[in-house]
Amino acid sequence: MDGSTNTIPYQATTNGETDVTYTAGSPFTAYNQLTQAEVIGWVQAALGATQVSAFEAQLDAEIAAKISLQNTSLPLPWHN
């Protein structure tokens, strides 16, 4: 997920694996014809709405933390 304030882009990522099972007789898409939307749909269906929402919330929190750090005024290093 990406967020932005002004023109500064912020990103957060998550990595992992999700098994997706093909059922014989179901429509089949060759690897070189897969679309991003199709694969995302499979992963979201395999994870379920609760897990997808949890990942989205985690990524949103990471982006918010990065934005917050960007807007923090730090003291000069020579001041104690």
PDB file of N, CA and C in Angstrom:
ATOM      1  N   MET A   1       0.846  -1.174   0.000  1.00  0.00           N
ATOM      2  CA  MET A   1       0.000   0.000   0.000  1.00  0.00           C
ATOM      3  C   MET A   1       0.888   1.233   0.000  1.00  0.00           C
ATOM      4  N   ASP A   2       0.417   2.246  -0.657  1.00  0.00           N
ATOM      5  CA  ASP A   2       1.165   3.484  -0.730  1.00  0.00           C
ATOM      6  C   ASP A   2       0.334   4.622  -0.153  1.00  0.00           C
ATOM      7  N   GLY A   3       1.004   5.543   0.471  1.00  0.00           N
ATOM      8  CA  GLY A   3       0.347   6.757   0.932  1.00  0.00           C
ATOM      9  C   GLY A   3       1.256   7.914   0.602  1.00  0.00           C
ATOM     10  N   SER A   4       0.738   9.113   0.670  1.00  0.00           N
ATOM     11  CA  SER A   4       1.619  10.239   0.394  1.00  0.00           C
ATOM     12  C   SER A   4       1.134  11.478   1.121  1.00  0.00           C
ATOM     13  N   THR A   5       2.107  12.318   1.452  1.00  0.00           N
ATOM     14  CA  THR A   5       1.855  13.639   1.992  1.00  0.00           C
ATOM     15  C   THR A   5       2.660  14.578   1.114  1.00  0.00           C
ATOM     16  N   ASN A   6       2.023  15.580   0.561  1.00  0.00           N
ATOM     17  CA  ASN A   6       2.661  16.443  -0.423  1.00  0.00           C
ATOM     18  C   ASN A   6       3.124  15.570  -1.589  1.00  0.00           C
ATOM     19  N   THR A   7       4.425  15.604  -1.887  1.00  0.00           N
ATOM     20  CA  THR A   7       4.926  14.788  -2.987  1.00  0.00           C
ATOM     21  C   THR A   7       5.863  13.686  -2.505  1.00  0.00           C
ATOM     22  N   ILE A   8       5.931  13.460  -1.214  1.00  0.00           N
ATOM     23  CA  ILE A   8       6.823  12.444  -0.659  1.00  0.00           C
ATOM     24  C   ILE A   8       6.052  11.114  -0.574  1.00  0.00           C
ATOM     25  N   PRO A   9       6.478  10.090  -1.338  1.00  0.00           N
ATOM     26  CA  PRO A   9       5.763   8.814  -1.290  1.00  0.00           C
ATOM     27  C   PRO A   9       6.175   7.986  -0.070  1.00  0.00           C
ATOM     28  N   TYR A  10       5.247   7.263   0.458  1.00  0.00           N
ATOM     29  CA  TYR A  10       5.502   6.357   1.571  1.00  0.00           C
ATOM     30  C   TYR A  10       5.030   4.972   1.149  1.00  0.00           C
ATOM     31  N   GLN A  11       5.776   3.965   1.546  1.00  0.00           N
ATOM     32  CA  GLN A  11       5.409   2.600   1.205  1.00  0.00           C
ATOM     33  C   GLN A  11       5.559   1.704   2.407  1.00  0.00           C
ATOM     34  N   ALA A  12       4.788   0.632   2.403  1.00  0.00           N
ATOM     35  CA  ALA A  12       4.919  -0.427   3.378  1.00  0.00           C
ATOM     36  C   ALA A  12       4.672  -1.734   2.630  1.00  0.00           C
ATOM     37  N   THR A  13       5.355  -2.770   3.016  1.00  0.00           N
ATOM     38  CA  THR A  13       5.193  -4.050   2.334  1.00  0.00           C
ATOM     39  C   THR A  13       5.059  -5.176   3.344  1.00  0.00           C
ATOM     40  N   THR A  14       4.503  -6.252   2.873  1.00  0.00           N
ATOM     41  CA  THR A  14       4.454  -7.480   3.650  1.00  0.00           C
ATOM     42  C   THR A  14       4.760  -8.619   2.689  1.00  0.00           C
ATOM     43  N   ASN A  15       5.397  -9.640   3.175  1.00  0.00           N
ATOM     44  CA  ASN A  15       5.785 -10.776   2.346  1.00  0.00           C
ATOM     45  C   ASN A  15       5.262 -12.066   2.958  1.00  0.00           C
ATOM     46  N   GLY A  16       5.067 -13.031   2.127  1.00  0.00           N
ATOM     47  CA  GLY A  16       4.650 -14.333   2.617  1.00  0.00           C
ATOM     48  C   GLY A  16       4.195 -15.210   1.471  1.00  0.00           C
ATOM     49  N   GLU A  17       3.651 -16.318   1.826  1.00  0.00           N
ATOM     50  CA  GLU A  17       3.152 -17.274   0.848  1.00  0.00           C
ATOM     51  C   GLU A  17       1.728 -17.651   1.195  1.00  0.00           C
ATOM     52  N   THR A  18       0.956 -17.931   0.180  1.00  0.00           N
ATOM     53  CA  THR A  18      -0.410 -18.398   0.363  1.00  0.00           C
ATOM     54  C   THR A  18      -0.659 -19.503  -0.648  1.00  0.00           C
ATOM     55  N   ASP A  19      -1.106 -20.649  -0.172  1.00  0.00           N
ATOM     56  CA  ASP A  19      -1.437 -21.749  -1.069  1.00  0.00           C
ATOM     57  C   ASP A  19      -2.773 -21.487  -1.742  1.00  0.00           C
ATOM     58  N   VAL A  20      -2.805 -21.722  -3.029  1.00  0.00           N
ATOM     59  CA  VAL A  20      -4.033 -21.619  -3.804  1.00  0.00           C
ATOM     60  C   VAL A  20      -4.166 -22.945  -4.542  1.00  0.00           C
ATOM     61  N   THR A  21      -5.277 -23.628  -4.339  1.00  0.00           N
ATOM     62  CA  THR A  21      -5.468 -24.957  -4.914  1.00  0.00           C
ATOM     63  C   THR A  21      -6.340 -24.892  -6.155  1.00  0.00           C
ATOM     64  N   TYR A  22      -5.879 -25.548  -7.196  1.00  0.00           N
ATOM     65  CA  TYR A  22      -6.673 -25.656  -8.417  1.00  0.00           C
ATOM     66  C   TYR A  22      -7.576 -26.878  -8.295  1.00  0.00           C
ATOM     67  N   THR A  23      -8.836 -26.691  -8.603  1.00  0.00           N
ATOM     68  CA  THR A  23      -9.805 -27.780  -8.603  1.00  0.00           C
ATOM     69  C   THR A  23     -10.046 -28.205 -10.047  1.00  0.00           C
ATOM     70  N   ALA A  24      -9.839 -29.502 -10.316  1.00  0.00           N
ATOM     71  CA  ALA A  24     -10.013 -30.017 -11.679  1.00  0.00           C
ATOM     72  C   ALA A  24     -11.381 -29.620 -12.217  1.00  0.00           C
ATOM     73  N   GLY A  25     -11.388 -29.170 -13.460  1.00  0.00           N
ATOM     74  CA  GLY A  25     -12.630 -28.744 -14.100  1.00  0.00           C
ATOM     75  C   GLY A  25     -12.920 -27.264 -13.965  1.00  0.00           C
ATOM     76  N   SER A  26     -12.214 -26.593 -13.047  1.00  0.00           N
ATOM     77  CA  SER A  26     -12.386 -25.147 -12.884  1.00  0.00           C
ATOM     78  C   SER A  26     -11.683 -24.433 -14.029  1.00  0.00           C
ATOM     79  N   PRO A  27     -12.075 -23.203 -14.327  1.00  0.00           N
ATOM     80  CA  PRO A  27     -11.357 -22.454 -15.365  1.00  0.00           C
ATOM     81  C   PRO A  27      -9.867 -22.380 -15.026  1.00  0.00           C
ATOM     82  N   PHE A  28      -9.032 -22.476 -16.037  1.00  0.00           N
ATOM     83  CA  PHE A  28      -7.582 -22.449 -15.854  1.00  0.00           C
ATOM     84  C   PHE A  28      -7.001 -21.281 -16.628  1.00  0.00           C
ATOM     85  N   THR A  29      -6.069 -20.565 -16.000  1.00  0.00           N
ATOM     86  CA  THR A  29      -5.377 -19.461 -16.656  1.00  0.00           C
ATOM     87  C   THR A  29      -3.897 -19.819 -16.733  1.00  0.00           C
ATOM     88  N   ALA A  30      -3.350 -19.818 -17.941  1.00  0.00           N
ATOM     89  CA  ALA A  30      -1.926 -20.094 -18.113  1.00  0.00           C
ATOM     90  C   ALA A  30      -1.105 -19.020 -17.401  1.00  0.00           C
ATOM     91  N   TYR A  31       0.071 -19.409 -16.931  1.00  0.00           N
ATOM     92  CA  TYR A  31       0.930 -18.504 -16.170  1.00  0.00           C
ATOM     93  C   TYR A  31       1.162 -17.185 -16.903  1.00  0.00           C
ATOM     94  N   ASN A  32       1.470 -17.247 -18.183  1.00  0.00           N
ATOM     95  CA  ASN A  32       1.794 -16.023 -18.916  1.00  0.00           C
ATOM     96  C   ASN A  32       0.563 -15.168 -19.219  1.00  0.00           C
ATOM     97  N   GLN A  33      -0.621 -15.619 -18.796  1.00  0.00           N
ATOM     98  CA  GLN A  33      -1.845 -14.849 -19.000  1.00  0.00           C
ATOM     99  C   GLN A  33      -2.456 -14.363 -17.684  1.00  0.00           C
ATOM    100  N   LEU A  34      -1.783 -14.633 -16.577  1.00  0.00           N
ATOM    101  CA  LEU A  34      -2.293 -14.178 -15.282  1.00  0.00           C
ATOM    102  C   LEU A  34      -2.283 -12.656 -15.216  1.00  0.00           C
ATOM    103  N   THR A  35      -3.270 -12.119 -14.530  1.00  0.00           N
ATOM    104  CA  THR A  35      -3.299 -10.686 -14.284  1.00  0.00           C
ATOM    105  C   THR A  35      -3.104 -10.438 -12.794  1.00  0.00           C
ATOM    106  N   GLN A  36      -2.639  -9.265 -12.470  1.00  0.00           N
ATOM    107  CA  GLN A  36      -2.454  -8.902 -11.070  1.00  0.00           C
ATOM    108  C   GLN A  36      -3.779  -9.000 -10.317  1.00  0.00           C
ATOM    109  N   ALA A  37      -4.844  -8.507 -10.904  1.00  0.00           N
ATOM    110  CA  ALA A  37      -6.157  -8.529 -10.249  1.00  0.00           C
ATOM    111  C   ALA A  37      -6.613  -9.960  -9.962  1.00  0.00           C
ATOM    112  N   GLU A  38      -6.368 -10.868 -10.900  1.00  0.00           N
ATOM    113  CA  GLU A  38      -6.780 -12.263 -10.710  1.00  0.00           C
ATOM    114  C   GLU A  38      -6.022 -12.903  -9.544  1.00  0.00           C
ATOM    115  N   VAL A  39      -4.710 -12.711  -9.505  1.00  0.00           N
ATOM    116  CA  VAL A  39      -3.894 -13.296  -8.440  1.00  0.00           C
ATOM    117  C   VAL A  39      -4.254 -12.686  -7.086  1.00  0.00           C
ATOM    118  N   ILE A  40      -4.446 -11.375  -7.044  1.00  0.00           N
ATOM    119  CA  ILE A  40      -4.843 -10.727  -5.784  1.00  0.00           C
ATOM    120  C   ILE A  40      -6.180 -11.295  -5.306  1.00  0.00           C
ATOM    121  N   GLY A  41      -7.101 -11.506  -6.216  1.00  0.00           N
ATOM    122  CA  GLY A  41      -8.388 -12.104  -5.852  1.00  0.00           C
ATOM    123  C   GLY A  41      -8.233 -13.488  -5.251  1.00  0.00           C
ATOM    124  N   TRP A  42      -7.370 -14.306  -5.832  1.00  0.00           N
ATOM    125  CA  TRP A  42      -7.129 -15.650  -5.293  1.00  0.00           C
ATOM    126  C   TRP A  42      -6.548 -15.585  -3.881  1.00  0.00           C
ATOM    127  N   VAL A  43      -5.556 -14.711  -3.703  1.00  0.00           N
ATOM    128  CA  VAL A  43      -4.904 -14.593  -2.395  1.00  0.00           C
ATOM    129  C   VAL A  43      -5.889 -14.072  -1.354  1.00  0.00           C
ATOM    130  N   GLN A  44      -6.670 -13.059  -1.705  1.00  0.00           N
ATOM    131  CA  GLN A  44      -7.648 -12.525  -0.761  1.00  0.00           C
ATOM    132  C   GLN A  44      -8.675 -13.590  -0.390  1.00  0.00           C
ATOM    133  N   ALA A  45      -9.113 -14.380  -1.349  1.00  0.00           N
ATOM    134  CA  ALA A  45     -10.078 -15.443  -1.066  1.00  0.00           C
ATOM    135  C   ALA A  45      -9.461 -16.506  -0.159  1.00  0.00           C
ATOM    136  N   ALA A  46      -8.197 -16.848  -0.398  1.00  0.00           N
ATOM    137  CA  ALA A  46      -7.530 -17.862   0.418  1.00  0.00           C
ATOM    138  C   ALA A  46      -7.298 -17.373   1.847  1.00  0.00           C
ATOM    139  N   LEU A  47      -6.964 -16.089   2.009  1.00  0.00           N
ATOM    140  CA  LEU A  47      -6.700 -15.533   3.346  1.00  0.00           C
ATOM    141  C   LEU A  47      -7.975 -15.265   4.126  1.00  0.00           C
ATOM    142  N   GLY A  48      -8.995 -14.817   3.441  1.00  0.00           N
ATOM    143  CA  GLY A  48     -10.235 -14.432   4.110  1.00  0.00           C
ATOM    144  C   GLY A  48     -10.223 -12.962   4.457  1.00  0.00           C
ATOM    145  N   ALA A  49     -11.403 -12.404   4.588  1.00  0.00           N
ATOM    146  CA  ALA A  49     -11.564 -10.962   4.807  1.00  0.00           C
ATOM    147  C   ALA A  49     -10.892 -10.481   6.090  1.00  0.00           C
ATOM    148  N   THR A  50     -10.946 -11.274   7.141  1.00  0.00           N
ATOM    149  CA  THR A  50     -10.364 -10.861   8.425  1.00  0.00           C
ATOM    150  C   THR A  50      -8.853 -10.698   8.306  1.00  0.00           C
ATOM    151  N   GLN A  51      -8.188 -11.668   7.678  1.00  0.00           N
ATOM    152  CA  GLN A  51      -6.735 -11.599   7.541  1.00  0.00           C
ATOM    153  C   GLN A  51      -6.327 -10.479   6.597  1.00  0.00           C
ATOM    154  N   VAL A  52      -7.076 -10.291   5.517  1.00  0.00           N
ATOM    155  CA  VAL A  52      -6.776  -9.201   4.578  1.00  0.00           C
ATOM    156  C   VAL A  52      -6.900  -7.858   5.301  1.00  0.00           C
ATOM    157  N   SER A  53      -7.947  -7.688   6.087  1.00  0.00           N
ATOM    158  CA  SER A  53      -8.129  -6.442   6.844  1.00  0.00           C
ATOM    159  C   SER A  53      -6.991  -6.229   7.832  1.00  0.00           C
ATOM    160  N   ALA A  54      -6.529  -7.309   8.469  1.00  0.00           N
ATOM    161  CA  ALA A  54      -5.419  -7.201   9.421  1.00  0.00           C
ATOM    162  C   ALA A  54      -4.141  -6.758   8.715  1.00  0.00           C
ATOM    163  N   PHE A  55      -3.853  -7.338   7.538  1.00  0.00           N
ATOM    164  CA  PHE A  55      -2.677  -6.914   6.768  1.00  0.00           C
ATOM    165  C   PHE A  55      -2.794  -5.453   6.356  1.00  0.00           C
ATOM    166  N   GLU A  56      -3.968  -5.044   5.880  1.00  0.00           N
ATOM    167  CA  GLU A  56      -4.162  -3.656   5.461  1.00  0.00           C
ATOM    168  C   GLU A  56      -3.975  -2.700   6.628  1.00  0.00           C
ATOM    169  N   ALA A  57      -4.493  -3.059   7.799  1.00  0.00           N
ATOM    170  CA  ALA A  57      -4.341  -2.209   8.984  1.00  0.00           C
ATOM    171  C   ALA A  57      -2.873  -2.097   9.383  1.00  0.00           C
ATOM    172  N   GLN A  58      -2.144  -3.210   9.308  1.00  0.00           N
ATOM    173  CA  GLN A  58      -0.722  -3.201   9.639  1.00  0.00           C
ATOM    174  C   GLN A  58       0.046  -2.291   8.687  1.00  0.00           C
ATOM    175  N   LEU A  59      -0.242  -2.388   7.403  1.00  0.00           N
ATOM    176  CA  LEU A  59       0.447  -1.556   6.414  1.00  0.00           C
ATOM    177  C   LEU A  59       0.089  -0.082   6.576  1.00  0.00           C
ATOM    178  N   ASP A  60      -1.188   0.198   6.839  1.00  0.00           N
ATOM    179  CA  ASP A  60      -1.612   1.583   7.093  1.00  0.00           C
ATOM    180  C   ASP A  60      -0.876   2.163   8.298  1.00  0.00           C
ATOM    181  N   ALA A  61      -0.711   1.357   9.358  1.00  0.00           N
ATOM    182  CA  ALA A  61      -0.016   1.820  10.563  1.00  0.00           C
ATOM    183  C   ALA A  61       1.457   2.100  10.269  1.00  0.00           C
ATOM    184  N   GLU A  62       2.087   1.257   9.457  1.00  0.00           N
ATOM    185  CA  GLU A  62       3.488   1.487   9.094  1.00  0.00           C
ATOM    186  C   GLU A  62       3.645   2.792   8.307  1.00  0.00           C
ATOM    187  N   ILE A  63       2.733   3.040   7.382  1.00  0.00           N
ATOM    188  CA  ILE A  63       2.792   4.273   6.599  1.00  0.00           C
ATOM    189  C   ILE A  63       2.555   5.482   7.499  1.00  0.00           C
ATOM    190  N   ALA A  64       1.579   5.395   8.398  1.00  0.00           N
ATOM    191  CA  ALA A  64       1.305   6.493   9.329  1.00  0.00           C
ATOM    192  C   ALA A  64       2.520   6.785  10.201  1.00  0.00           C
ATOM    193  N   ALA A  65       3.223   5.736  10.632  1.00  0.00           N
ATOM    194  CA  ALA A  65       4.420   5.925  11.453  1.00  0.00           C
ATOM    195  C   ALA A  65       5.514   6.621  10.657  1.00  0.00           C
ATOM    196  N   LYS A  66       5.672   6.269   9.387  1.00  0.00           N
ATOM    197  CA  LYS A  66       6.675   6.929   8.542  1.00  0.00           C
ATOM    198  C   LYS A  66       6.331   8.401   8.326  1.00  0.00           C
ATOM    199  N   ILE A  67       5.062   8.686   8.119  1.00  0.00           N
ATOM    200  CA  ILE A  67       4.631  10.076   7.944  1.00  0.00           C
ATOM    201  C   ILE A  67       4.879  10.856   9.224  1.00  0.00           C
ATOM    202  N   SER A  68       4.583  10.254  10.360  1.00  0.00           N
ATOM    203  CA  SER A  68       4.782  10.902  11.653  1.00  0.00           C
ATOM    204  C   SER A  68       6.255  11.232  11.879  1.00  0.00           C
ATOM    205  N   LEU A  69       7.131  10.297  11.520  1.00  0.00           N
ATOM    206  CA  LEU A  69       8.566  10.554  11.677  1.00  0.00           C
ATOM    207  C   LEU A  69       9.016  11.700  10.791  1.00  0.00           C
ATOM    208  N   GLN A  70       8.469  11.781   9.599  1.00  0.00           N
ATOM    209  CA  GLN A  70       8.824  12.843   8.653  1.00  0.00           C
ATOM    210  C   GLN A  70       8.468  14.211   9.221  1.00  0.00           C
ATOM    211  N   ASN A  71       7.416  14.276  10.023  1.00  0.00           N
ATOM    212  CA  ASN A  71       6.932  15.549  10.545  1.00  0.00           C
ATOM    213  C   ASN A  71       7.447  15.847  11.955  1.00  0.00           C
ATOM    214  N   THR A  72       8.380  15.066  12.442  1.00  0.00           N
ATOM    215  CA  THR A  72       8.923  15.257  13.779  1.00  0.00           C
ATOM    216  C   THR A  72      10.123  16.194  13.715  1.00  0.00           C
ATOM    217  N   SER A  73      10.135  17.169  14.586  1.00  0.00           N
ATOM    218  CA  SER A  73      11.279  18.080  14.674  1.00  0.00           C
ATOM    219  C   SER A  73      12.243  17.531  15.714  1.00  0.00           C
ATOM    220  N   LEU A  74      13.446  17.240  15.277  1.00  0.00           N
ATOM    221  CA  LEU A  74      14.455  16.718  16.193  1.00  0.00           C
ATOM    222  C   LEU A  74      15.325  17.865  16.691  1.00  0.00           C
ATOM    223  N   PRO A  75      15.794  17.764  17.944  1.00  0.00           N
ATOM    224  CA  PRO A  75      16.693  18.816  18.447  1.00  0.00           C
ATOM    225  C   PRO A  75      18.040  18.714  17.718  1.00  0.00           C
ATOM    226  N   LEU A  76      18.748  19.816  17.690  1.00  0.00           N
ATOM    227  CA  LEU A  76      20.072  19.809  17.082  1.00  0.00           C
ATOM    228  C   LEU A  76      20.984  18.879  17.887  1.00  0.00           C
ATOM    229  N   PRO A  77      21.863  18.150  17.226  1.00  0.00           N
ATOM    230  CA  PRO A  77      22.651  17.135  17.934  1.00  0.00           C
ATOM    231  C   PRO A  77      23.578  17.695  19.000  1.00  0.00           C
ATOM    232  N   TRP A  78      23.944  18.960  18.936  1.00  0.00           N
ATOM    233  CA  TRP A  78      24.832  19.517  19.941  1.00  0.00           C
ATOM    234  C   TRP A  78      24.105  20.084  21.144  1.00  0.00           C
ATOM    235  N   HIS A  79      22.775  20.019  21.164  1.00  0.00           N
ATOM    236  CA  HIS A  79      22.009  20.440  22.339  1.00  0.00           C
ATOM    237  C   HIS A  79      21.629  19.206  23.147  1.00  0.00           C
ATOM    238  N   ASN A  80      21.856  19.274  24.442  1.00  0.00           N
ATOM    239  CA  ASN A  80      21.520  18.136  25.314  1.00  0.00           C
ATOM    240  C   ASN A  80      20.150  18.284  25.839  1.00  0.00           C
TER     241      ASN A  80
END
